[in-house]
Amino acid sequence: MSSEFQTAMAAANTAIITKMGQAVTYTPDGGDDQAIDGVFTDAAGQYNNGERGETEIKTATLLINSSDVATVGVDDVATVGGVRYRVEHYSDAAGMWLLELVAETVNSKHHSQLRDRQGS
């Protein structure tokens, strides 16, 4: 049986997602895609040059209702705006999951060298 607090938090969580959320496809590691809504932060990006080429690493956070996704795990995938993010860390936040996400995109050395020559 839910306490008055749990009921109030569930209503608040739903209101937050409704007001600020956007479409997310959540895929548990080895599981099926789930279409849900969540509050996504703008991703911060950093570039590294390595043997394979230039790697862009984006980090972000995602807040989702635990009623939409009962369990989350490291290496689950959240796709937002066409970008696939891997869950790196998560915590329970009063009926919601707070997910820390990472996405890596590798541009081959050839692609990076062409871009450098073109001045982009």
PDB file of N, CA and C in Angstrom:
ATOM      1  N   MET A   1       0.832  -1.174   0.000  1.00  0.00           N
ATOM      2  CA  MET A   1       0.000   0.000   0.000  1.00  0.00           C
ATOM      3  C   MET A   1       0.886   1.251   0.000  1.00  0.00           C
ATOM      4  N   SER A   2       0.566   2.194  -0.853  1.00  0.00           N
ATOM      5  CA  SER A   2       1.352   3.417  -0.974  1.00  0.00           C
ATOM      6  C   SER A   2       1.055   4.393   0.143  1.00  0.00           C
ATOM      7  N   SER A   3       2.104   5.037   0.616  1.00  0.00           N
ATOM      8  CA  SER A   3       1.929   6.081   1.610  1.00  0.00           C
ATOM      9  C   SER A   3       1.484   7.363   0.909  1.00  0.00           C
ATOM     10  N   GLU A   4       1.057   8.319   1.671  1.00  0.00           N
ATOM     11  CA  GLU A   4       0.648   9.610   1.120  1.00  0.00           C
ATOM     12  C   GLU A   4       1.837  10.266   0.399  1.00  0.00           C
ATOM     13  N   PHE A   5       3.031  10.130   0.985  1.00  0.00           N
ATOM     14  CA  PHE A   5       4.242  10.684   0.379  1.00  0.00           C
ATOM     15  C   PHE A   5       4.516  10.031  -0.974  1.00  0.00           C
ATOM     16  N   GLN A   6       4.462   8.706  -1.043  1.00  0.00           N
ATOM     17  CA  GLN A   6       4.723   7.994  -2.290  1.00  0.00           C
ATOM     18  C   GLN A   6       3.725   8.393  -3.374  1.00  0.00           C
ATOM     19  N   THR A   7       2.458   8.553  -2.976  1.00  0.00           N
ATOM     20  CA  THR A   7       1.429   8.966  -3.922  1.00  0.00           C
ATOM     21  C   THR A   7       1.719  10.370  -4.444  1.00  0.00           C
ATOM     22  N   ALA A   8       2.105  11.284  -3.546  1.00  0.00           N
ATOM     23  CA  ALA A   8       2.417  12.659  -3.951  1.00  0.00           C
ATOM     24  C   ALA A   8       3.648  12.690  -4.862  1.00  0.00           C
ATOM     25  N   MET A   9       4.670  11.898  -4.541  1.00  0.00           N
ATOM     26  CA  MET A   9       5.881  11.868  -5.362  1.00  0.00           C
ATOM     27  C   MET A   9       5.592  11.299  -6.745  1.00  0.00           C
ATOM     28  N   ALA A  10       4.772  10.272  -6.825  1.00  0.00           N
ATOM     29  CA  ALA A  10       4.419   9.692  -8.118  1.00  0.00           C
ATOM     30  C   ALA A  10       3.712  10.724  -8.993  1.00  0.00           C
ATOM     31  N   ALA A  11       2.805  11.501  -8.388  1.00  0.00           N
ATOM     32  CA  ALA A  11       2.103  12.548  -9.130  1.00  0.00           C
ATOM     33  C   ALA A  11       3.078  13.639  -9.585  1.00  0.00           C
ATOM     34  N   ALA A  12       4.002  14.025  -8.700  1.00  0.00           N
ATOM     35  CA  ALA A  12       4.996  15.054  -9.044  1.00  0.00           C
ATOM     36  C   ALA A  12       5.913  14.559 -10.164  1.00  0.00           C
ATOM     37  N   ASN A  13       6.354  13.307 -10.078  1.00  0.00           N
ATOM     38  CA  ASN A  13       7.220  12.738 -11.109  1.00  0.00           C
ATOM     39  C   ASN A  13       6.530  12.750 -12.466  1.00  0.00           C
ATOM     40  N   THR A  14       5.271  12.358 -12.491  1.00  0.00           N
ATOM     41  CA  THR A  14       4.506  12.340 -13.733  1.00  0.00           C
ATOM     42  C   THR A  14       4.379  13.752 -14.295  1.00  0.00           C
ATOM     43  N   ALA A  15       4.132  14.722 -13.428  1.00  0.00           N
ATOM     44  CA  ALA A  15       4.008  16.117 -13.872  1.00  0.00           C
ATOM     45  C   ALA A  15       5.320  16.620 -14.467  1.00  0.00           C
ATOM     46  N   ILE A  16       6.437  16.279 -13.843  1.00  0.00           N
ATOM     47  CA  ILE A  16       7.752  16.698 -14.345  1.00  0.00           C
ATOM     48  C   ILE A  16       8.015  16.103 -15.727  1.00  0.00           C
ATOM     49  N   ILE A  17       7.769  14.819 -15.873  1.00  0.00           N
ATOM     50  CA  ILE A  17       7.999  14.143 -17.159  1.00  0.00           C
ATOM     51  C   ILE A  17       7.076  14.718 -18.224  1.00  0.00           C
ATOM     52  N   THR A  18       5.812  14.960 -17.869  1.00  0.00           N
ATOM     53  CA  THR A  18       4.844  15.505 -18.823  1.00  0.00           C
ATOM     54  C   THR A  18       5.265  16.889 -19.294  1.00  0.00           C
ATOM     55  N   LYS A  19       5.721  17.725 -18.387  1.00  0.00           N
ATOM     56  CA  LYS A  19       6.076  19.108 -18.704  1.00  0.00           C
ATOM     57  C   LYS A  19       7.429  19.214 -19.417  1.00  0.00           C
ATOM     58  N   MET A  20       8.423  18.452 -18.984  1.00  0.00           N
ATOM     59  CA  MET A  20       9.794  18.643 -19.454  1.00  0.00           C
ATOM     60  C   MET A  20      10.351  17.481 -20.260  1.00  0.00           C
ATOM     61  N   GLY A  21       9.614  16.399 -20.366  1.00  0.00           N
ATOM     62  CA  GLY A  21      10.144  15.188 -20.987  1.00  0.00           C
ATOM     63  C   GLY A  21      10.149  15.203 -22.499  1.00  0.00           C
ATOM     64  N   GLN A  22      10.890  14.266 -23.051  1.00  0.00           N
ATOM     65  CA  GLN A  22      10.921  14.034 -24.484  1.00  0.00           C
ATOM     66  C   GLN A  22      10.989  12.533 -24.737  1.00  0.00           C
ATOM     67  N   ALA A  23      10.759  12.161 -25.983  1.00  0.00           N
ATOM     68  CA  ALA A  23      10.716  10.746 -26.347  1.00  0.00           C
ATOM     69  C   ALA A  23      12.094  10.101 -26.193  1.00  0.00           C
ATOM     70  N   VAL A  24      12.092   8.904 -25.605  1.00  0.00           N
ATOM     71  CA  VAL A  24      13.297   8.116 -25.373  1.00  0.00           C
ATOM     72  C   VAL A  24      12.978   6.670 -25.738  1.00  0.00           C
ATOM     73  N   THR A  25      13.918   6.002 -26.358  1.00  0.00           N
ATOM     74  CA  THR A  25      13.802   4.553 -26.519  1.00  0.00           C
ATOM     75  C   THR A  25      14.789   3.940 -25.542  1.00  0.00           C
ATOM     76  N   TYR A  26      14.260   3.157 -24.601  1.00  0.00           N
ATOM     77  CA  TYR A  26      15.100   2.529 -23.578  1.00  0.00           C
ATOM     78  C   TYR A  26      15.219   1.051 -23.896  1.00  0.00           C
ATOM     79  N   THR A  27      16.461   0.560 -23.922  1.00  0.00           N
ATOM     80  CA  THR A  27      16.704  -0.838 -24.247  1.00  0.00           C
ATOM     81  C   THR A  27      17.568  -1.469 -23.157  1.00  0.00           C
ATOM     82  N   PRO A  28      16.961  -2.317 -22.317  1.00  0.00           N
ATOM     83  CA  PRO A  28      17.773  -3.025 -21.318  1.00  0.00           C
ATOM     84  C   PRO A  28      18.799  -3.904 -22.020  1.00  0.00           C
ATOM     85  N   ASP A  29      19.977  -4.073 -21.411  1.00  0.00           N
ATOM     86  CA  ASP A  29      21.027  -4.910 -21.983  1.00  0.00           C
ATOM     87  C   ASP A  29      20.456  -6.296 -22.269  1.00  0.00           C
ATOM     88  N   GLY A  30      20.392  -6.662 -23.545  1.00  0.00           N
ATOM     89  CA  GLY A  30      19.854  -7.964 -23.945  1.00  0.00           C
ATOM     90  C   GLY A  30      18.339  -8.010 -24.007  1.00  0.00           C
ATOM     91  N   GLY A  31      17.662  -6.868 -23.842  1.00  0.00           N
ATOM     92  CA  GLY A  31      16.200  -6.842 -23.816  1.00  0.00           C
ATOM     93  C   GLY A  31      15.598  -6.133 -25.020  1.00  0.00           C
ATOM     94  N   ASP A  32      14.305  -5.891 -24.928  1.00  0.00           N
ATOM     95  CA  ASP A  32      13.556  -5.263 -26.016  1.00  0.00           C
ATOM     96  C   ASP A  32      13.418  -3.757 -25.791  1.00  0.00           C
ATOM     97  N   ASP A  33      13.304  -3.021 -26.901  1.00  0.00           N
ATOM     98  CA  ASP A  33      13.107  -1.573 -26.846  1.00  0.00           C
ATOM     99  C   ASP A  33      11.798  -1.224 -26.142  1.00  0.00           C
ATOM    100  N   GLN A  34      11.828  -0.129 -25.380  1.00  0.00           N
ATOM    101  CA  GLN A  34      10.640   0.413 -24.743  1.00  0.00           C
ATOM    102  C   GLN A  34      10.557   1.895 -25.076  1.00  0.00           C
ATOM    103  N   ALA A  35       9.416   2.349 -25.609  1.00  0.00           N
ATOM    104  CA  ALA A  35       9.216   3.769 -25.891  1.00  0.00           C
ATOM    105  C   ALA A  35       8.680   4.426 -24.622  1.00  0.00           C
ATOM    106  N   ILE A  36       9.456   5.374 -24.068  1.00  0.00           N
ATOM    107  CA  ILE A  36       9.071   6.078 -22.850  1.00  0.00           C
ATOM    108  C   ILE A  36       9.383   7.561 -23.028  1.00  0.00           C
ATOM    109  N   ASP A  37       9.079   8.355 -22.025  1.00  0.00           N
ATOM    110  CA  ASP A  37       9.468   9.756 -21.985  1.00  0.00           C
ATOM    111  C   ASP A  37      10.412   9.953 -20.820  1.00  0.00           C
ATOM    112  N   GLY A  38      11.334  10.910 -20.957  1.00  0.00           N
ATOM    113  CA  GLY A  38      12.266  11.209 -19.891  1.00  0.00           C
ATOM    114  C   GLY A  38      12.796  12.625 -20.022  1.00  0.00           C
ATOM    115  N   VAL A  39      13.365  13.130 -18.934  1.00  0.00           N
ATOM    116  CA  VAL A  39      13.965  14.461 -18.945  1.00  0.00           C
ATOM    117  C   VAL A  39      15.452  14.285 -19.220  1.00  0.00           C
ATOM    118  N   PHE A  40      15.885  14.778 -20.369  1.00  0.00           N
ATOM    119  CA  PHE A  40      17.238  14.603 -20.866  1.00  0.00           C
ATOM    120  C   PHE A  40      17.994  15.926 -20.748  1.00  0.00           C
ATOM    121  N   THR A  41      19.238  15.869 -20.287  1.00  0.00           N
ATOM    122  CA  THR A  41      20.078  17.067 -20.262  1.00  0.00           C
ATOM    123  C   THR A  41      20.845  17.176 -21.569  1.00  0.00           C
ATOM    124  N   ASP A  42      21.218  18.381 -21.907  1.00  0.00           N
ATOM    125  CA  ASP A  42      22.077  18.576 -23.073  1.00  0.00           C
ATOM    126  C   ASP A  42      23.389  17.862 -22.818  1.00  0.00           C
ATOM    127  N   ALA A  43      23.870  17.209 -23.829  1.00  0.00           N
ATOM    128  CA  ALA A  43      25.112  16.454 -23.694  1.00  0.00           C
ATOM    129  C   ALA A  43      26.332  17.372 -23.776  1.00  0.00           C
ATOM    130  N   ALA A  44      27.298  17.092 -22.947  1.00  0.00           N
ATOM    131  CA  ALA A  44      28.590  17.770 -23.032  1.00  0.00           C
ATOM    132  C   ALA A  44      29.508  16.878 -23.856  1.00  0.00           C
ATOM    133  N   GLY A  45      30.277  17.471 -24.760  1.00  0.00           N
ATOM    134  CA  GLY A  45      31.130  16.662 -25.623  1.00  0.00           C
ATOM    135  C   GLY A  45      32.595  16.991 -25.450  1.00  0.00           C
ATOM    136  N   GLN A  46      33.415  16.000 -25.747  1.00  0.00           N
ATOM    137  CA  GLN A  46      34.866  16.182 -25.730  1.00  0.00           C
ATOM    138  C   GLN A  46      35.420  15.345 -26.865  1.00  0.00           C
ATOM    139  N   TYR A  47      36.516  15.821 -27.450  1.00  0.00           N
ATOM    140  CA  TYR A  47      37.138  15.126 -28.572  1.00  0.00           C
ATOM    141  C   TYR A  47      38.509  14.610 -28.175  1.00  0.00           C
ATOM    142  N   ASN A  48      38.816  13.399 -28.603  1.00  0.00           N
ATOM    143  CA  ASN A  48      40.135  12.796 -28.390  1.00  0.00           C
ATOM    144  C   ASN A  48      40.618  12.243 -29.716  1.00  0.00           C
ATOM    145  N   ASN A  49      41.892  12.412 -30.003  1.00  0.00           N
ATOM    146  CA  ASN A  49      42.490  11.809 -31.195  1.00  0.00           C
ATOM    147  C   ASN A  49      43.282  10.582 -30.776  1.00  0.00           C
ATOM    148  N   GLY A  50      43.026   9.483 -31.454  1.00  0.00           N
ATOM    149  CA  GLY A  50      43.715   8.238 -31.136  1.00  0.00           C
ATOM    150  C   GLY A  50      44.067   7.483 -32.399  1.00  0.00           C
ATOM    151  N   GLU A  51      44.463   6.249 -32.227  1.00  0.00           N
ATOM    152  CA  GLU A  51      44.874   5.419 -33.365  1.00  0.00           C
ATOM    153  C   GLU A  51      43.741   5.196 -34.358  1.00  0.00           C
ATOM    154  N   ARG A  52      42.523   5.070 -33.834  1.00  0.00           N
ATOM    155  CA  ARG A  52      41.388   4.795 -34.719  1.00  0.00           C
ATOM    156  C   ARG A  52      40.853   6.055 -35.381  1.00  0.00           C
ATOM    157  N   GLY A  53      41.267   7.217 -34.910  1.00  0.00           N
ATOM    158  CA  GLY A  53      40.767   8.473 -35.447  1.00  0.00           C
ATOM    159  C   GLY A  53      40.278   9.353 -34.316  1.00  0.00           C
ATOM    160  N   GLU A  54      39.444  10.277 -34.665  1.00  0.00           N
ATOM    161  CA  GLU A  54      38.907  11.213 -33.685  1.00  0.00           C
ATOM    162  C   GLU A  54      37.679  10.598 -33.011  1.00  0.00           C
ATOM    163  N   THR A  55      37.660  10.623 -31.692  1.00  0.00           N
ATOM    164  CA  THR A  55      36.540  10.090 -30.934  1.00  0.00           C
ATOM    165  C   THR A  55      35.832  11.229 -30.226  1.00  0.00           C
ATOM    166  N   GLU A  56      34.521  11.327 -30.437  1.00  0.00           N
ATOM    167  CA  GLU A  56      33.719  12.296 -29.705  1.00  0.00           C
ATOM    168  C   GLU A  56      33.031  11.547 -28.573  1.00  0.00           C
ATOM    169  N   ILE A  57      33.202  12.045 -27.353  1.00  0.00           N
ATOM    170  CA  ILE A  57      32.568  11.431 -26.191  1.00  0.00           C
ATOM    171  C   ILE A  57      31.564  12.427 -25.627  1.00  0.00           C
ATOM    172  N   LYS A  58      30.299  12.025 -25.599  1.00  0.00           N
ATOM    173  CA  LYS A  58      29.236  12.868 -25.058  1.00  0.00           C
ATOM    174  C   LYS A  58      28.759  12.277 -23.745  1.00  0.00           C
ATOM    175  N   THR A  59      28.546  13.121 -22.755  1.00  0.00           N
ATOM    176  CA  THR A  59      27.949  12.681 -21.499  1.00  0.00           C
ATOM    177  C   THR A  59      26.646  13.438 -21.306  1.00  0.00           C
ATOM    178  N   ALA A  60      25.706  12.805 -20.623  1.00  0.00           N
ATOM    179  CA  ALA A  60      24.393  13.397 -20.398  1.00  0.00           C
ATOM    180  C   ALA A  60      23.746  12.718 -19.203  1.00  0.00           C
ATOM    181  N   THR A  61      22.632  13.265 -18.765  1.00  0.00           N
ATOM    182  CA  THR A  61      21.820  12.599 -17.748  1.00  0.00           C
ATOM    183  C   THR A  61      20.398  12.456 -18.262  1.00  0.00           C
ATOM    184  N   LEU A  62      19.714  11.466 -17.734  1.00  0.00           N
ATOM    185  CA  LEU A  62      18.338  11.188 -18.111  1.00  0.00           C
ATOM    186  C   LEU A  62      17.567  10.805 -16.862  1.00  0.00           C
ATOM    187  N   LEU A  63      16.428  11.424 -16.673  1.00  0.00           N
ATOM    188  CA  LEU A  63      15.550  11.140 -15.539  1.00  0.00           C
ATOM    189  C   LEU A  63      14.301  10.463 -16.079  1.00  0.00           C
ATOM    190  N   ILE A  64      14.017   9.227 -15.609  1.00  0.00           N
ATOM    191  CA  ILE A  64      12.852   8.472 -16.079  1.00  0.00           C
ATOM    192  C   ILE A  64      12.071   7.930 -14.889  1.00  0.00           C
ATOM    193  N   ASN A  65      10.777   7.717 -15.096  1.00  0.00           N
ATOM    194  CA  ASN A  65       9.927   7.143 -14.051  1.00  0.00           C
ATOM    195  C   ASN A  65      10.255   5.674 -13.842  1.00  0.00           C
ATOM    196  N   SER A  66      10.372   5.269 -12.586  1.00  0.00           N
ATOM    197  CA  SER A  66      10.599   3.849 -12.308  1.00  0.00           C
ATOM    198  C   SER A  66       9.360   3.020 -12.637  1.00  0.00           C
ATOM    199  N   SER A  67       8.211   3.679 -12.776  1.00  0.00           N
ATOM    200  CA  SER A  67       7.010   2.945 -13.198  1.00  0.00           C
ATOM    201  C   SER A  67       7.072   2.596 -14.690  1.00  0.00           C
ATOM    202  N   ASP A  68       7.894   3.333 -15.461  1.00  0.00           N
ATOM    203  CA  ASP A  68       8.070   3.024 -16.888  1.00  0.00           C
ATOM    204  C   ASP A  68       9.128   1.949 -17.106  1.00  0.00           C
ATOM    205  N   VAL A  69      10.182   1.979 -16.282  1.00  0.00           N
ATOM    206  CA  VAL A  69      11.275   1.000 -16.374  1.00  0.00           C
ATOM    207  C   VAL A  69      11.548   0.515 -14.952  1.00  0.00           C
ATOM    208  N   ALA A  70      11.145  -0.705 -14.660  1.00  0.00           N
ATOM    209  CA  ALA A  70      11.239  -1.226 -13.287  1.00  0.00           C
ATOM    210  C   ALA A  70      12.679  -1.399 -12.816  1.00  0.00           C
ATOM    211  N   THR A  71      13.552  -1.883 -13.690  1.00  0.00           N
ATOM    212  CA  THR A  71      14.962  -2.068 -13.322  1.00  0.00           C
ATOM    213  C   THR A  71      15.840  -1.506 -14.429  1.00  0.00           C
ATOM    214  N   VAL A  72      16.935  -0.912 -14.034  1.00  0.00           N
ATOM    215  CA  VAL A  72      17.915  -0.406 -14.990  1.00  0.00           C
ATOM    216  C   VAL A  72      19.265  -1.029 -14.669  1.00  0.00           C
ATOM    217  N   GLY A  73      20.180  -0.959 -15.616  1.00  0.00           N
ATOM    218  CA  GLY A  73      21.493  -1.527 -15.373  1.00  0.00           C
ATOM    219  C   GLY A  73      22.561  -0.857 -16.214  1.00  0.00           C
ATOM    220  N   VAL A  74      23.796  -1.011 -15.777  1.00  0.00           N
ATOM    221  CA  VAL A  74      24.940  -0.535 -16.541  1.00  0.00           C
ATOM    222  C   VAL A  74      24.936  -1.260 -17.887  1.00  0.00           C
ATOM    223  N   ASP A  75      25.226  -0.546 -18.939  1.00  0.00           N
ATOM    224  CA  ASP A  75      25.254  -1.024 -20.324  1.00  0.00           C
ATOM    225  C   ASP A  75      23.884  -1.121 -20.976  1.00  0.00           C
ATOM    226  N   ASP A  76      22.802  -0.747 -20.266  1.00  0.00           N
ATOM    227  CA  ASP A  76      21.529  -0.552 -20.949  1.00  0.00           C
ATOM    228  C   ASP A  76      21.728   0.614 -21.916  1.00  0.00           C
ATOM    229  N   VAL A  77      20.811   0.780 -22.867  1.00  0.00           N
ATOM    230  CA  VAL A  77      20.946   1.840 -23.869  1.00  0.00           C
ATOM    231  C   VAL A  77      19.716   2.733 -23.849  1.00  0.00           C
ATOM    232  N   ALA A  78      19.945   4.041 -23.885  1.00  0.00           N
ATOM    233  CA  ALA A  78      18.885   5.030 -24.038  1.00  0.00           C
ATOM    234  C   ALA A  78      19.169   5.795 -25.321  1.00  0.00           C
ATOM    235  N   THR A  79      18.208   5.789 -26.243  1.00  0.00           N
ATOM    236  CA  THR A  79      18.373   6.507 -27.502  1.00  0.00           C
ATOM    237  C   THR A  79      17.519   7.765 -27.445  1.00  0.00           C
ATOM    238  N   VAL A  80      18.193   8.900 -27.608  1.00  0.00           N
ATOM    239  CA  VAL A  80      17.531  10.201 -27.529  1.00  0.00           C
ATOM    240  C   VAL A  80      17.961  11.018 -28.738  1.00  0.00           C
ATOM    241  N   GLY A  81      17.009  11.504 -29.497  1.00  0.00           N
ATOM    242  CA  GLY A  81      17.341  12.308 -30.670  1.00  0.00           C
ATOM    243  C   GLY A  81      18.216  11.583 -31.668  1.00  0.00           C
ATOM    244  N   GLY A  82      18.066  10.282 -31.773  1.00  0.00           N
ATOM    245  CA  GLY A  82      18.838   9.490 -32.714  1.00  0.00           C
ATOM    246  C   GLY A  82      20.230   9.091 -32.238  1.00  0.00           C
ATOM    247  N   VAL A  83      20.625   9.539 -31.032  1.00  0.00           N
ATOM    248  CA  VAL A  83      21.942   9.196 -30.488  1.00  0.00           C
ATOM    249  C   VAL A  83      21.780   8.094 -29.445  1.00  0.00           C
ATOM    250  N   ARG A  84      22.596   7.040 -29.573  1.00  0.00           N
ATOM    251  CA  ARG A  84      22.557   5.916 -28.633  1.00  0.00           C
ATOM    252  C   ARG A  84      23.531   6.180 -27.493  1.00  0.00           C
ATOM    253  N   TYR A  85      22.994   6.259 -26.277  1.00  0.00           N
ATOM    254  CA  TYR A  85      23.799   6.465 -25.074  1.00  0.00           C
ATOM    255  C   TYR A  85      23.806   5.188 -24.256  1.00  0.00           C
ATOM    256  N   ARG A  86      24.957   4.869 -23.682  1.00  0.00           N
ATOM    257  CA  ARG A  86      25.091   3.716 -22.800  1.00  0.00           C
ATOM    258  C   ARG A  86      24.970   4.200 -21.358  1.00  0.00           C
ATOM    259  N   VAL A  87      24.220   3.447 -20.538  1.00  0.00           N
ATOM    260  CA  VAL A  87      24.108   3.777 -19.121  1.00  0.00           C
ATOM    261  C   VAL A  87      25.423   3.419 -18.447  1.00  0.00           C
ATOM    262  N   GLU A  88      26.056   4.413 -17.856  1.00  0.00           N
ATOM    263  CA  GLU A  88      27.322   4.201 -17.172  1.00  0.00           C
ATOM    264  C   GLU A  88      27.123   4.097 -15.660  1.00  0.00           C
ATOM    265  N   HIS A  89      26.134   4.795 -15.136  1.00  0.00           N
ATOM    266  CA  HIS A  89      25.837   4.781 -13.700  1.00  0.00           C
ATOM    267  C   HIS A  89      24.372   5.162 -13.524  1.00  0.00           C
ATOM    268  N   TYR A  90      23.772   4.681 -12.454  1.00  0.00           N
ATOM    269  CA  TYR A  90      22.374   5.039 -12.197  1.00  0.00           C
ATOM    270  C   TYR A  90      22.127   5.087 -10.693  1.00  0.00           C
ATOM    271  N   SER A  91      21.086   5.828 -10.319  1.00  0.00           N
ATOM    272  CA  SER A  91      20.673   5.878  -8.916  1.00  0.00           C
ATOM    273  C   SER A  91      19.166   6.054  -8.843  1.00  0.00           C
ATOM    274  N   ASP A  92      18.600   5.626  -7.725  1.00  0.00           N
ATOM    275  CA  ASP A  92      17.174   5.741  -7.471  1.00  0.00           C
ATOM    276  C   ASP A  92      16.916   7.114  -6.869  1.00  0.00           C
ATOM    277  N   ALA A  93      15.971   7.848  -7.441  1.00  0.00           N
ATOM    278  CA  ALA A  93      15.669   9.201  -6.977  1.00  0.00           C
ATOM    279  C   ALA A  93      14.174   9.333  -6.693  1.00  0.00           C
ATOM    280  N   ALA A  94      13.717   8.748  -5.585  1.00  0.00           N
ATOM    281  CA  ALA A  94      12.321   8.877  -5.136  1.00  0.00           C
ATOM    282  C   ALA A  94      11.304   8.545  -6.224  1.00  0.00           C
ATOM    283  N   GLY A  95      11.375   7.327  -6.729  1.00  0.00           N
ATOM    284  CA  GLY A  95      10.415   6.876  -7.728  1.00  0.00           C
ATOM    285  C   GLY A  95      10.836   7.154  -9.164  1.00  0.00           C
ATOM    286  N   MET A  96      12.031   7.682  -9.317  1.00  0.00           N
ATOM    287  CA  MET A  96      12.575   7.923 -10.648  1.00  0.00           C
ATOM    288  C   MET A  96      13.992   7.359 -10.685  1.00  0.00           C
ATOM    289  N   TRP A  97      14.455   7.076 -11.874  1.00  0.00           N
ATOM    290  CA  TRP A  97      15.843   6.674 -12.077  1.00  0.00           C
ATOM    291  C   TRP A  97      16.601   7.860 -12.635  1.00  0.00           C
ATOM    292  N   LEU A  98      17.746   8.157 -12.066  1.00  0.00           N
ATOM    293  CA  LEU A  98      18.653   9.152 -12.606  1.00  0.00           C
ATOM    294  C   LEU A  98      19.791   8.392 -13.268  1.00  0.00           C
ATOM    295  N   LEU A  99      19.881   8.513 -14.579  1.00  0.00           N
ATOM    296  CA  LEU A  99      20.861   7.767 -15.359  1.00  0.00           C
ATOM    297  C   LEU A  99      21.968   8.688 -15.838  1.00  0.00           C
ATOM    298  N   GLU A 100      23.204   8.266 -15.677  1.00  0.00           N
ATOM    299  CA  GLU A 100      24.346   8.967 -16.248  1.00  0.00           C
ATOM    300  C   GLU A 100      24.721   8.220 -17.517  1.00  0.00           C
ATOM    301  N   LEU A 101      24.752   8.945 -18.630  1.00  0.00           N
ATOM    302  CA  LEU A 101      24.890   8.341 -19.947  1.00  0.00           C
ATOM    303  C   LEU A 101      26.184   8.766 -20.636  1.00  0.00           C
ATOM    304  N   VAL A 102      26.672   7.887 -21.522  1.00  0.00           N
ATOM    305  CA  VAL A 102      27.860   8.166 -22.331  1.00  0.00           C
ATOM    306  C   VAL A 102      27.604   7.660 -23.749  1.00  0.00           C
ATOM    307  N   ALA A 103      27.978   8.476 -24.734  1.00  0.00           N
ATOM    308  CA  ALA A 103      27.933   8.056 -26.139  1.00  0.00           C
ATOM    309  C   ALA A 103      29.290   8.335 -26.752  1.00  0.00           C
ATOM    310  N   GLU A 104      29.794   7.393 -27.533  1.00  0.00           N
ATOM    311  CA  GLU A 104      31.076   7.568 -28.219  1.00  0.00           C
ATOM    312  C   GLU A 104      30.857   7.417 -29.718  1.00  0.00           C
ATOM    313  N   THR A 105      31.404   8.359 -30.475  1.00  0.00           N
ATOM    314  CA  THR A 105      31.364   8.303 -31.924  1.00  0.00           C
ATOM    315  C   THR A 105      32.787   8.386 -32.427  1.00  0.00           C
ATOM    316  N   VAL A 106      33.196   7.414 -33.224  1.00  0.00           N
ATOM    317  CA  VAL A 106      34.552   7.400 -33.768  1.00  0.00           C
ATOM    318  C   VAL A 106      34.489   7.772 -35.238  1.00  0.00           C
ATOM    319  N   ASN A 107      35.235   8.825 -35.589  1.00  0.00           N
ATOM    320  CA  ASN A 107      35.429   9.195 -36.991  1.00  0.00           C
ATOM    321  C   ASN A 107      36.779   8.624 -37.399  1.00  0.00           C
ATOM    322  N   SER A 108      36.805   7.893 -38.498  1.00  0.00           N
ATOM    323  CA  SER A 108      38.054   7.262 -38.919  1.00  0.00           C
ATOM    324  C   SER A 108      39.132   8.311 -39.157  1.00  0.00           C
ATOM    325  N   LYS A 109      40.389   7.882 -39.094  1.00  0.00           N
ATOM    326  CA  LYS A 109      41.512   8.800 -39.354  1.00  0.00           C
ATOM    327  C   LYS A 109      41.366   9.424 -40.732  1.00  0.00           C
ATOM    328  N   HIS A 110      40.921   8.643 -41.700  1.00  0.00           N
ATOM    329  CA  HIS A 110      40.762   9.169 -43.058  1.00  0.00           C
ATOM    330  C   HIS A 110      39.754  10.314 -43.061  1.00  0.00           C
ATOM    331  N   HIS A 111      38.614  10.116 -42.411  1.00  0.00           N
ATOM    332  CA  HIS A 111      37.579  11.147 -42.344  1.00  0.00           C
ATOM    333  C   HIS A 111      38.106  12.387 -41.625  1.00  0.00           C
ATOM    334  N   SER A 112      38.820  12.213 -40.525  1.00  0.00           N
ATOM    335  CA  SER A 112      39.375  13.332 -39.761  1.00  0.00           C
ATOM    336  C   SER A 112      40.396  14.100 -40.582  1.00  0.00           C
ATOM    337  N   GLN A 113      41.241  13.378 -41.337  1.00  0.00           N
ATOM    338  CA  GLN A 113      42.262  14.035 -42.151  1.00  0.00           C
ATOM    339  C   GLN A 113      41.626  14.831 -43.278  1.00  0.00           C
ATOM    340  N   LEU A 114      40.577  14.293 -43.905  1.00  0.00           N
ATOM    341  CA  LEU A 114      39.875  15.028 -44.951  1.00  0.00           C
ATOM    342  C   LEU A 114      39.256  16.305 -44.383  1.00  0.00           C
ATOM    343  N   ARG A 115      38.632  16.193 -43.235  1.00  0.00           N
ATOM    344  CA  ARG A 115      37.990  17.343 -42.606  1.00  0.00           C
ATOM    345  C   ARG A 115      39.038  18.401 -42.262  1.00  0.00           C
ATOM    346  N   ASP A 116      40.208  17.978 -41.758  1.00  0.00           N
ATOM    347  CA  ASP A 116      41.270  18.919 -41.411  1.00  0.00           C
ATOM    348  C   ASP A 116      41.760  19.665 -42.671  1.00  0.00           C
ATOM    349  N   ARG A 117      41.884  18.958 -43.779  1.00  0.00           N
ATOM    350  CA  ARG A 117      42.342  19.589 -45.021  1.00  0.00           C
ATOM    351  C   ARG A 117      41.309  20.571 -45.560  1.00  0.00           C
ATOM    352  N   GLN A 118      40.031  20.292 -45.304  1.00  0.00           N
ATOM    353  CA  GLN A 118      38.967  21.177 -45.798  1.00  0.00           C
ATOM    354  C   GLN A 118      38.760  22.358 -44.861  1.00  0.00           C
ATOM    355  N   GLY A 119      39.397  22.346 -43.696  1.00  0.00           N
ATOM    356  CA  GLY A 119      39.275  23.445 -42.767  1.00  0.00           C
ATOM    357  C   GLY A 119      38.034  23.415 -41.907  1.00  0.00           C
ATOM    358  N   SER A 120      37.405  22.245 -41.754  1.00  0.00           N
ATOM    359  CA  SER A 120      36.204  22.122 -40.925  1.00  0.00           C
ATOM    360  C   SER A 120      36.554  21.654 -39.553  1.00  0.00           C
TER     361      SER A 120
END
